[in-house]
């Protein structure tokens, strides 16, 4: 059902384009043909919806449609309508009483990792649309391939772009300002799905940004650490990793601890066991913080902690980690339980949950392949994002602000809770500690 619906979208978005035909020669690919005619692979697939099937193969002698590029004159005319037309175009009927018009402007191609990840994300978006359809919520989807080297202004000149109620994108910072200006002009909601550096969200009330920039994320993690672990003894461990990017966190944490009058210890993985053990308090819970997120140093730290526990079984130890530690679960889960590990993260996938398993099976059935082994899982991210915003638009219309408690939706992976950033748009403030409890249970502590 999902695939048929998805291909219908592709056909609808391609019907208005002029076309010519190409007879496929030996060794030609969709990419080489698209380059030959100056179109994108996405445009080629839109003109030939059968190409979207997972088992489609380009065969010698096949005749395929080639959408013709529109002239610069036509695009200029579209980009500069009369003032009267602007007023008509900007008046949208209430989205709660009709199908929601969703635009996706991301790199949807197979040329590099960005494209492949966003294709999987887009598939998750389509699965959310299909799921919502069963509840009576209709969605019209238009997707554009917007790679890093493309001019997003060409995409924004498309008639369907201005008709959108919400646009998901872009992936790249350089494309944000043009899309920001566009959604403000046409009164469209804009969802920036991944980490991106742009001040636009601080000025444009139409923008929702899921991930905070690294500096804000680090500062938020430090505040939450200090609020959550109030009566503990922090032990900061120097791991000797010259490539580490965790310095801003550990230095910032030390600064805040000192401001709050909290005593902490500093030790090193290279210290002798006896010296290492002196860093731990015997009358308080110790929370160990490494200054790297890498696996080799984490394994070495577990070895040092094992020596501490063996010699001083009365010492209580927890660890505070990093989001990338979730990649090590398959190999380190027992140690995570043993050392009462807390991992701060804006997302978490419980691979053992029924919801995750159902999604995994449905994805495999629809697309005849498994999701990428990635952190986060991109299809799950796309599903959570699309379900949250489309259901919100259906219920609240243009007044939807993404705040907590607007409706009951338990995310599979990515919780969302938006707050306004000054007088601008909205930032996702949802945050979790993934707690691996010694009794071999995992709990998510929303903060």
Protein backbone atom coordinates (compact mmCIF):
# COMPACT_ATOMS: atom_id res chain seq x y z
CA UNK A 1 0.00 0.00 0.00
CA UNK A 2 2.77 2.42 0.94
CA UNK A 3 4.77 1.88 -2.24
CA UNK A 4 1.81 2.33 -4.57
CA UNK A 5 0.92 5.57 -2.77
CA UNK A 6 4.52 6.79 -2.91
CA UNK A 7 4.75 6.20 -6.65
CA UNK A 8 1.45 7.99 -7.20
CA UNK A 9 3.05 11.06 -5.63
CA UNK A 10 5.97 10.83 -8.04
CA UNK A 11 3.65 10.57 -11.04
CA UNK A 12 1.56 13.53 -9.94
CA UNK A 13 4.57 15.77 -9.46
CA UNK A 14 5.94 14.88 -12.90
CA UNK A 15 2.84 15.18 -15.04
CA UNK A 16 3.24 18.86 -15.81
CA UNK A 17 6.83 18.58 -17.08
CA UNK A 18 7.66 18.49 -20.75
CA UNK A 19 9.39 15.25 -21.72
CA UNK A 20 11.60 13.63 -24.33
CA UNK A 21 12.78 10.04 -24.54
CA UNK A 22 16.15 8.31 -24.29
CA UNK A 23 17.03 4.79 -25.39
CA UNK A 24 19.29 3.19 -22.81
CA UNK A 25 22.71 2.06 -24.00
CA UNK A 26 25.02 -0.55 -22.46
CA UNK A 27 26.68 0.46 -19.15
CA UNK A 28 24.58 3.62 -18.82
CA UNK A 29 23.26 4.43 -15.34
CA UNK A 30 20.50 6.66 -14.03
CA UNK A 31 23.17 9.06 -12.82
CA UNK A 32 25.05 9.19 -16.12
CA UNK A 33 21.81 9.74 -18.04
CA UNK A 34 20.71 12.50 -15.69
CA UNK A 35 24.07 14.23 -16.15
CA UNK A 36 23.77 13.86 -19.93
CA UNK A 37 20.50 15.80 -20.00
CA UNK A 38 21.25 18.22 -17.16
CA UNK A 39 18.55 16.93 -14.82
CA UNK A 40 18.76 15.33 -11.38
CA UNK A 41 18.24 11.66 -10.64
CA UNK A 42 15.19 12.65 -8.60
CA UNK A 43 13.67 14.40 -11.64
CA UNK A 44 14.41 11.32 -13.73
CA UNK A 45 12.61 9.10 -11.22
CA UNK A 46 9.65 11.48 -11.10
CA UNK A 47 9.32 11.19 -14.88
CA UNK A 48 9.70 7.38 -14.69
CA UNK A 49 7.90 6.23 -11.52
CA UNK A 50 8.77 2.57 -12.16
CA UNK A 51 12.39 3.48 -11.30
CA UNK A 52 11.38 3.93 -7.66
CA UNK A 53 10.66 0.22 -7.25
CA UNK A 54 13.41 -1.46 -5.19
CA UNK A 55 13.87 -4.22 -7.80
CA UNK A 56 14.04 -1.85 -10.79
CA UNK A 57 17.00 -2.34 -13.13
CA UNK A 58 18.02 -0.09 -16.00
CA UNK A 59 18.16 -2.33 -19.09
CA UNK A 60 19.83 -1.79 -22.46
CA UNK A 61 17.26 -0.83 -25.08
CA UNK A 62 14.69 0.47 -22.60
CA UNK A 63 13.04 3.77 -23.50
CA UNK A 64 12.83 6.23 -20.60
CA UNK A 65 11.30 9.69 -20.29
CA UNK A 66 13.59 12.72 -19.87
CA UNK A 67 11.98 15.83 -18.31
CA UNK A 68 13.10 18.97 -20.11
CA UNK A 69 14.73 21.75 -18.10
CA UNK A 70 12.64 24.90 -17.98
CA UNK A 71 14.19 28.01 -19.39
CA UNK A 72 15.59 30.80 -17.25
CA UNK A 73 12.84 33.08 -18.58
CA UNK A 74 10.10 30.78 -17.32
CA UNK A 75 11.74 30.57 -13.90
CA UNK A 76 12.10 34.33 -13.65
CA UNK A 77 8.42 34.77 -14.44
CA UNK A 78 7.48 32.26 -11.75
CA UNK A 79 9.77 33.85 -9.19
CA UNK A 80 8.34 37.32 -9.74
CA UNK A 81 4.51 37.14 -9.82
CA UNK A 82 2.33 40.22 -9.78
CA UNK A 83 1.41 41.69 -6.42
CA UNK A 84 -2.22 40.66 -6.85
CA UNK A 85 -1.16 37.08 -7.52
CA UNK A 86 1.06 37.11 -4.42
CA UNK A 87 -1.91 37.96 -2.22
CA UNK A 88 -4.01 35.17 -3.69
CA UNK A 89 -1.15 32.66 -3.43
CA UNK A 90 -0.50 33.51 0.21
CA UNK A 91 -4.08 32.81 1.26
CA UNK A 92 -4.31 29.14 2.28
CA UNK A 93 -7.44 27.40 3.41
CA UNK A 94 -7.34 25.93 6.92
CA UNK A 95 -5.01 22.91 6.82
CA UNK A 96 -7.21 21.13 9.36
CA UNK A 97 -9.96 20.76 6.74
CA UNK A 98 -7.96 19.34 3.83
CA UNK A 99 -4.93 17.31 2.86
CA UNK A 100 -1.67 18.64 4.31
CA UNK A 101 0.82 19.70 1.63
CA UNK A 102 4.29 18.50 2.62
CA UNK A 103 7.50 19.44 0.81
CA UNK A 104 10.80 17.62 1.31
CA UNK A 105 13.97 19.45 0.18
CA UNK A 106 16.93 17.21 0.97
CA UNK A 107 19.74 15.47 -0.96
CA UNK A 108 17.79 12.46 -2.24
CA UNK A 109 20.35 10.59 -4.32
CA UNK A 110 22.77 7.67 -4.26
CA UNK A 111 26.01 9.54 -4.93
CA UNK A 112 27.33 9.79 -1.38
CA UNK A 113 26.54 9.15 2.27
CA UNK A 114 24.45 12.30 2.68
CA UNK A 115 22.15 11.26 -0.14
CA UNK A 116 21.76 7.68 1.03
CA UNK A 117 21.04 8.77 4.61
CA UNK A 118 18.43 11.29 3.46
CA UNK A 119 16.76 8.75 1.16
CA UNK A 120 16.30 6.53 4.21
CA UNK A 121 15.02 9.51 6.22
CA UNK A 122 12.56 10.29 3.40
CA UNK A 123 11.33 6.70 3.41
CA UNK A 124 10.57 7.11 7.11
CA UNK A 125 8.60 10.27 6.28
CA UNK A 126 6.55 8.33 3.72
CA UNK A 127 5.89 5.57 6.25
CA UNK A 128 4.57 8.18 8.68
CA UNK A 129 2.27 9.58 5.98
CA UNK A 130 0.97 6.08 5.29
CA UNK A 131 0.41 5.47 9.00
CA UNK A 132 -1.47 8.76 9.39
CA UNK A 133 -3.57 7.98 6.33
CA UNK A 134 -5.06 5.05 8.25
CA UNK A 135 -6.26 7.54 10.90
CA UNK A 136 -7.94 9.76 8.32
CA UNK A 137 -5.14 12.31 7.86
CA UNK A 138 -4.31 12.90 4.19
CA UNK A 139 -0.95 14.20 3.02
CA UNK A 140 0.18 15.35 -0.43
CA UNK A 141 3.95 14.99 -0.74
CA UNK A 142 6.33 16.74 -3.12
CA UNK A 143 10.01 15.86 -2.84
CA UNK A 144 12.98 17.62 -4.42
CA UNK A 145 16.56 16.40 -4.66
CA UNK A 146 18.64 19.26 -3.21
CA UNK A 147 22.31 18.20 -3.08
CA UNK A 148 25.03 20.33 -1.55
CA UNK A 149 26.15 21.87 -4.85
CA UNK A 150 22.65 22.72 -6.08
CA UNK A 151 21.01 26.13 -6.24
CA UNK A 152 17.96 25.87 -4.00
CA UNK A 153 16.48 28.94 -5.71
CA UNK A 154 15.66 26.73 -8.71
CA UNK A 155 13.65 24.43 -6.47
CA UNK A 156 11.86 27.34 -4.82
CA UNK A 157 10.75 28.54 -8.24
CA UNK A 158 8.58 25.42 -8.58
CA UNK A 159 4.86 26.21 -8.24
CA UNK A 160 4.36 23.32 -5.79
CA UNK A 161 6.94 24.76 -3.38
CA UNK A 162 4.89 27.87 -2.60
CA UNK A 163 1.78 25.75 -2.03
CA UNK A 164 3.35 23.72 0.80
CA UNK A 165 2.10 23.94 4.37
CA UNK A 166 5.38 22.55 5.75
CA UNK A 167 8.81 21.98 4.20
CA UNK A 168 11.37 19.59 5.67
CA UNK A 169 14.88 20.80 4.89
CA UNK A 170 17.49 21.75 4.07
CA UNK A 171 20.45 19.60 5.14
CA UNK A 172 23.15 22.19 4.45
CA UNK A 173 23.70 25.52 6.22
CA UNK A 174 24.37 27.41 2.98
CA UNK A 175 20.81 26.75 1.82
CA UNK A 176 19.04 27.85 5.00
CA UNK A 177 18.75 31.59 4.38
CA UNK A 178 17.11 31.27 0.96
CA UNK A 179 14.60 28.73 2.27
CA UNK A 180 14.05 30.82 5.41
CA UNK A 181 13.16 33.89 3.34
CA UNK A 182 10.90 31.75 1.15
CA UNK A 183 8.83 30.23 3.98
CA UNK A 184 8.44 33.61 5.65
CA UNK A 185 7.16 35.12 2.42
CA UNK A 186 4.69 32.29 1.78
CA UNK A 187 3.70 31.59 5.40
CA UNK A 188 5.04 28.01 5.41
CA UNK A 189 6.28 25.98 8.38
CA UNK A 190 9.94 24.94 7.99
CA UNK A 191 11.47 21.95 9.78
CA UNK A 192 15.29 21.75 9.90
CA UNK A 193 15.73 18.05 10.70
CA UNK A 194 19.44 17.83 11.54
CA UNK A 195 22.20 19.85 13.18
CA UNK A 196 22.92 22.97 11.21
CA UNK A 197 24.58 26.33 11.86
CA UNK A 198 22.33 29.24 11.00
CA UNK A 199 21.00 32.27 12.87
CA UNK A 200 17.77 32.13 10.86
CA UNK A 201 15.88 30.27 13.60
CA UNK A 202 16.48 33.21 15.95
CA UNK A 203 14.70 35.61 13.60
CA UNK A 204 12.13 33.60 11.65
CA UNK A 205 9.02 32.46 13.52
CA UNK A 206 8.25 29.82 10.87
CA UNK A 207 11.34 27.69 11.61
CA UNK A 208 11.52 24.60 13.84
CA UNK A 209 15.03 23.25 14.43
CA UNK A 210 15.34 19.76 15.89
CA UNK A 211 18.99 19.71 16.96
CA UNK A 212 20.84 22.38 18.88
CA UNK A 213 24.27 23.45 17.71
CA UNK A 214 27.20 21.72 19.49
CA UNK A 215 27.97 24.66 21.78
CA UNK A 216 24.38 24.92 23.03
CA UNK A 217 24.18 21.14 23.42
CA UNK A 218 27.38 21.10 25.50
CA UNK A 219 26.17 23.92 27.75
CA UNK A 220 22.79 22.23 28.23
CA UNK A 221 24.46 18.91 29.11
CA UNK A 222 26.65 20.60 31.73
CA UNK A 223 23.63 22.27 33.35
CA UNK A 224 21.70 19.03 33.41
CA UNK A 225 24.64 17.10 34.83
CA UNK A 226 24.98 19.56 37.71
CA UNK A 227 21.23 19.61 38.39
CA UNK A 228 20.82 15.84 38.24
CA UNK A 229 23.96 14.75 40.13
CA UNK A 230 23.82 17.12 43.08
CA UNK A 231 25.24 15.12 45.98
CA UNK A 232 27.97 13.16 44.19
CA UNK A 233 31.74 13.22 43.79
CA UNK A 234 32.70 13.82 40.13
CA UNK A 235 35.86 12.06 38.94
CA UNK A 236 37.23 13.44 35.68
CA UNK A 237 39.57 11.05 33.88
CA UNK A 238 42.22 12.24 31.43
CA UNK A 239 42.39 9.58 28.71
CA UNK A 240 45.32 10.98 26.75
CA UNK A 241 43.30 11.20 23.52
CA UNK A 242 44.80 14.09 21.52
CA UNK A 243 41.99 13.81 18.95
CA UNK A 244 39.19 14.22 21.48
CA UNK A 245 36.46 16.81 20.93
CA UNK A 246 35.18 16.54 24.51
CA UNK A 247 37.41 19.24 25.96
CA UNK A 248 34.69 21.93 25.87
CA UNK A 249 32.45 19.65 27.94
CA UNK A 250 34.98 18.58 30.60
CA UNK A 251 36.52 22.05 30.96
CA UNK A 252 33.08 23.65 31.04
CA UNK A 253 31.91 21.10 33.61
CA UNK A 254 34.88 21.82 35.85
CA UNK A 255 34.19 25.55 35.65
CA UNK A 256 30.54 25.17 36.66
CA UNK A 257 31.40 22.72 39.46
CA UNK A 258 33.89 25.24 40.84
CA UNK A 259 31.32 28.04 40.62
CA UNK A 260 28.89 25.89 42.62
CA UNK A 261 31.52 24.93 45.17
CA UNK A 262 31.46 21.23 44.25
CA UNK A 263 34.70 19.36 44.87
CA UNK A 264 35.89 16.97 42.18
CA UNK A 265 38.93 14.84 41.42
CA UNK A 266 41.11 14.59 38.33
CA UNK A 267 43.01 11.42 37.49
CA UNK A 268 44.46 9.69 34.44
CA UNK A 269 44.19 6.34 32.70
CA UNK A 270 48.00 6.25 32.78
CA UNK A 271 48.10 6.50 36.58
CA UNK A 272 49.06 3.46 38.62
CA UNK A 273 46.08 1.63 40.12
CA UNK A 274 46.85 2.83 43.62
CA UNK A 275 47.02 6.48 42.53
CA UNK A 276 43.91 6.07 40.37
CA UNK A 277 41.90 4.73 43.29
CA UNK A 278 42.72 7.75 45.48
CA UNK A 279 40.57 9.91 43.22
CA UNK A 280 37.39 8.15 44.45
CA UNK A 281 35.36 9.11 47.51
CA UNK A 282 34.26 6.39 49.90
CA UNK A 283 31.38 8.28 51.47
CA UNK A 284 29.63 9.47 48.28
CA UNK A 285 28.49 8.20 44.92
CA UNK A 286 31.30 8.74 42.40
CA UNK A 287 30.37 9.81 38.87
CA UNK A 288 33.17 9.14 36.39
CA UNK A 289 33.54 11.43 33.37
CA UNK A 290 36.04 10.59 30.60
CA UNK A 291 37.40 13.34 28.39
CA UNK A 292 36.91 11.28 25.24
CA UNK A 293 34.07 9.39 23.62
CA UNK A 294 36.25 6.81 21.86
CA UNK A 295 35.86 3.08 22.40
CA UNK A 296 39.53 2.12 23.14
CA UNK A 297 39.77 4.56 26.05
CA UNK A 298 36.35 3.47 27.33
CA UNK A 299 37.51 -0.15 27.41
CA UNK A 300 40.68 0.89 29.26
CA UNK A 301 38.57 2.84 31.76
CA UNK A 302 36.42 -0.21 32.47
CA UNK A 303 39.63 -2.11 33.26
CA UNK A 304 40.77 0.57 35.72
CA UNK A 305 37.36 0.71 37.37
CA UNK A 306 37.35 -3.06 37.74
CA UNK A 307 40.54 -2.76 39.77
CA UNK A 308 38.94 -0.06 41.97
CA UNK A 309 35.88 -2.19 42.69
CA UNK A 310 37.94 -5.31 43.37
CA UNK A 311 40.12 -3.50 45.92
CA UNK A 312 37.41 -1.28 47.41
CA UNK A 313 34.01 -2.98 47.01
CA UNK A 314 32.38 -0.32 49.20
CA UNK A 315 33.06 2.42 46.63
CA UNK A 316 29.96 3.32 44.62
CA UNK A 317 30.55 4.17 40.97
CA UNK A 318 28.41 5.56 38.14
CA UNK A 319 29.60 6.81 34.76
CA UNK A 320 28.44 9.73 32.67
CA UNK A 321 29.05 9.15 28.99
CA UNK A 322 28.45 10.54 25.53
CA UNK A 323 25.85 9.90 22.84
CA UNK A 324 28.30 7.94 20.69
CA UNK A 325 28.58 5.36 23.48
CA UNK A 326 25.23 4.07 22.23
CA UNK A 327 27.13 2.67 19.25
CA UNK A 328 29.03 0.35 21.60
CA UNK A 329 25.97 -1.28 23.17
CA UNK A 330 26.38 -4.60 21.40
CA UNK A 331 29.80 -5.12 22.99
CA UNK A 332 29.66 -3.12 26.21
CA UNK A 333 26.13 -3.60 27.52
CA UNK A 334 27.25 -5.70 30.52
CA UNK A 335 29.77 -3.02 31.53
CA UNK A 336 27.13 -0.32 31.09
CA UNK A 337 24.94 -2.18 33.56
CA UNK A 338 27.82 -2.91 35.92
CA UNK A 339 28.96 0.71 36.15
CA UNK A 340 25.51 2.32 36.24
CA UNK A 341 26.10 4.30 33.04
CA UNK A 342 24.14 7.43 32.12
CA UNK A 343 24.27 8.50 28.47
CA UNK A 344 22.93 11.97 27.56
CA UNK A 345 21.19 11.95 24.20
CA UNK A 346 18.44 13.71 22.22
CA UNK A 347 17.35 10.31 20.87
CA UNK A 348 17.32 6.64 21.78
CA UNK A 349 16.28 3.49 19.93
CA UNK A 350 15.30 0.54 22.07
CA UNK A 351 16.11 -2.24 19.61
CA UNK A 352 14.17 -4.74 21.77
CA UNK A 353 10.88 -2.80 21.83
CA UNK A 354 7.83 -4.05 19.95
CA UNK A 355 7.42 -0.69 18.19
CA UNK A 356 11.00 -0.78 16.86
CA UNK A 357 10.64 -4.38 15.68
CA UNK A 358 7.35 -3.61 13.90
CA UNK A 359 8.93 -0.63 12.17
CA UNK A 360 12.00 -2.64 11.19
CA UNK A 361 9.83 -5.37 9.63
CA UNK A 362 7.58 -2.89 7.82
CA UNK A 363 10.60 -1.06 6.41
CA UNK A 364 12.02 -4.36 5.14
CA UNK A 365 8.69 -5.31 3.57
CA UNK A 366 8.27 -1.96 1.84
CA UNK A 367 11.79 -1.40 0.57
CA UNK A 368 13.26 -4.92 0.45
CA UNK A 369 16.29 -4.00 2.51
CA UNK A 370 17.23 -3.26 6.12
CA UNK A 371 17.81 0.16 7.61
CA UNK A 372 21.38 1.41 7.79
CA UNK A 373 23.44 0.66 10.87
CA UNK A 374 23.62 4.29 11.93
CA UNK A 375 23.14 6.51 14.96
CA UNK A 376 20.43 7.71 14.90
CA UNK A 377 18.41 5.42 12.61
CA UNK A 378 17.43 7.78 9.81
CA UNK A 379 14.17 6.10 8.81
CA UNK A 380 12.99 6.21 12.43
CA UNK A 381 13.99 9.86 12.63
CA UNK A 382 12.00 10.68 9.50
CA UNK A 383 8.99 8.79 10.83
CA UNK A 384 9.02 10.55 14.21
CA UNK A 385 9.52 14.01 12.69
CA UNK A 386 6.80 13.63 10.06
CA UNK A 387 4.27 11.98 12.37
CA UNK A 388 4.72 14.65 15.04
CA UNK A 389 4.39 17.66 12.74
CA UNK A 390 1.71 16.32 10.42
CA UNK A 391 -0.50 15.24 13.31
CA UNK A 392 0.13 18.59 14.98
CA UNK A 393 -0.86 20.49 11.84
CA UNK A 394 -3.97 18.38 11.44
CA UNK A 395 -5.06 19.08 15.01
CA UNK A 396 -3.98 22.69 15.53
CA UNK A 397 -3.42 24.06 12.04
CA UNK A 398 -0.95 26.91 11.61
CA UNK A 399 -1.10 27.55 15.38
CA UNK A 400 0.83 24.33 16.12
CA UNK A 401 3.93 25.23 18.13
CA UNK A 402 5.42 21.81 18.87
CA UNK A 403 5.20 22.28 22.65
CA UNK A 404 5.02 19.32 25.03
CA UNK A 405 1.63 17.71 25.68
CA UNK A 406 -0.13 18.88 22.52
CA UNK A 407 -1.19 15.28 21.77
CA UNK A 408 -0.22 11.80 22.85
CA UNK A 409 2.49 10.41 20.61
CA UNK A 410 5.13 8.09 22.05
CA UNK A 411 8.11 8.49 19.68
CA UNK A 412 9.93 5.38 18.52
CA UNK A 413 13.29 7.14 18.72
CA UNK A 414 13.25 10.94 18.75
CA UNK A 415 11.20 12.86 21.34
CA UNK A 416 10.29 16.42 20.40
CA UNK A 417 9.49 19.33 22.69
CA UNK A 418 9.88 22.78 21.16
CA UNK A 419 10.31 26.13 22.83
CA UNK A 420 10.45 29.52 21.18
CA UNK A 421 13.91 31.00 20.69
CA UNK A 422 13.53 34.66 21.64
CA UNK A 423 11.25 36.34 19.11
CA UNK A 424 12.19 33.88 16.38
CA UNK A 425 11.36 30.26 15.69
CA UNK A 426 11.47 27.15 17.83
CA UNK A 427 14.23 24.89 19.17
CA UNK A 428 13.76 21.32 20.32
CA UNK A 429 14.58 21.16 24.03
CA UNK A 430 13.79 17.50 24.56
CA UNK A 431 16.64 15.71 26.27
CA UNK A 432 17.16 12.31 27.85
CA UNK A 433 19.52 10.41 30.08
CA UNK A 434 19.64 6.78 28.98
CA UNK A 435 20.26 4.97 32.27
CA UNK A 436 21.71 1.45 32.29
CA UNK A 437 20.74 0.23 35.74
CA UNK A 438 22.77 -2.40 37.63
CA UNK A 439 19.69 -4.66 37.81
CA UNK A 440 20.04 -4.91 34.02
CA UNK A 441 17.23 -2.58 33.07
CA UNK A 442 17.31 0.42 30.75
CA UNK A 443 15.27 3.50 31.54
CA UNK A 444 14.94 6.78 29.69
CA UNK A 445 14.86 9.82 31.95
CA UNK A 446 13.29 12.73 30.09
CA UNK A 447 14.76 15.97 31.28
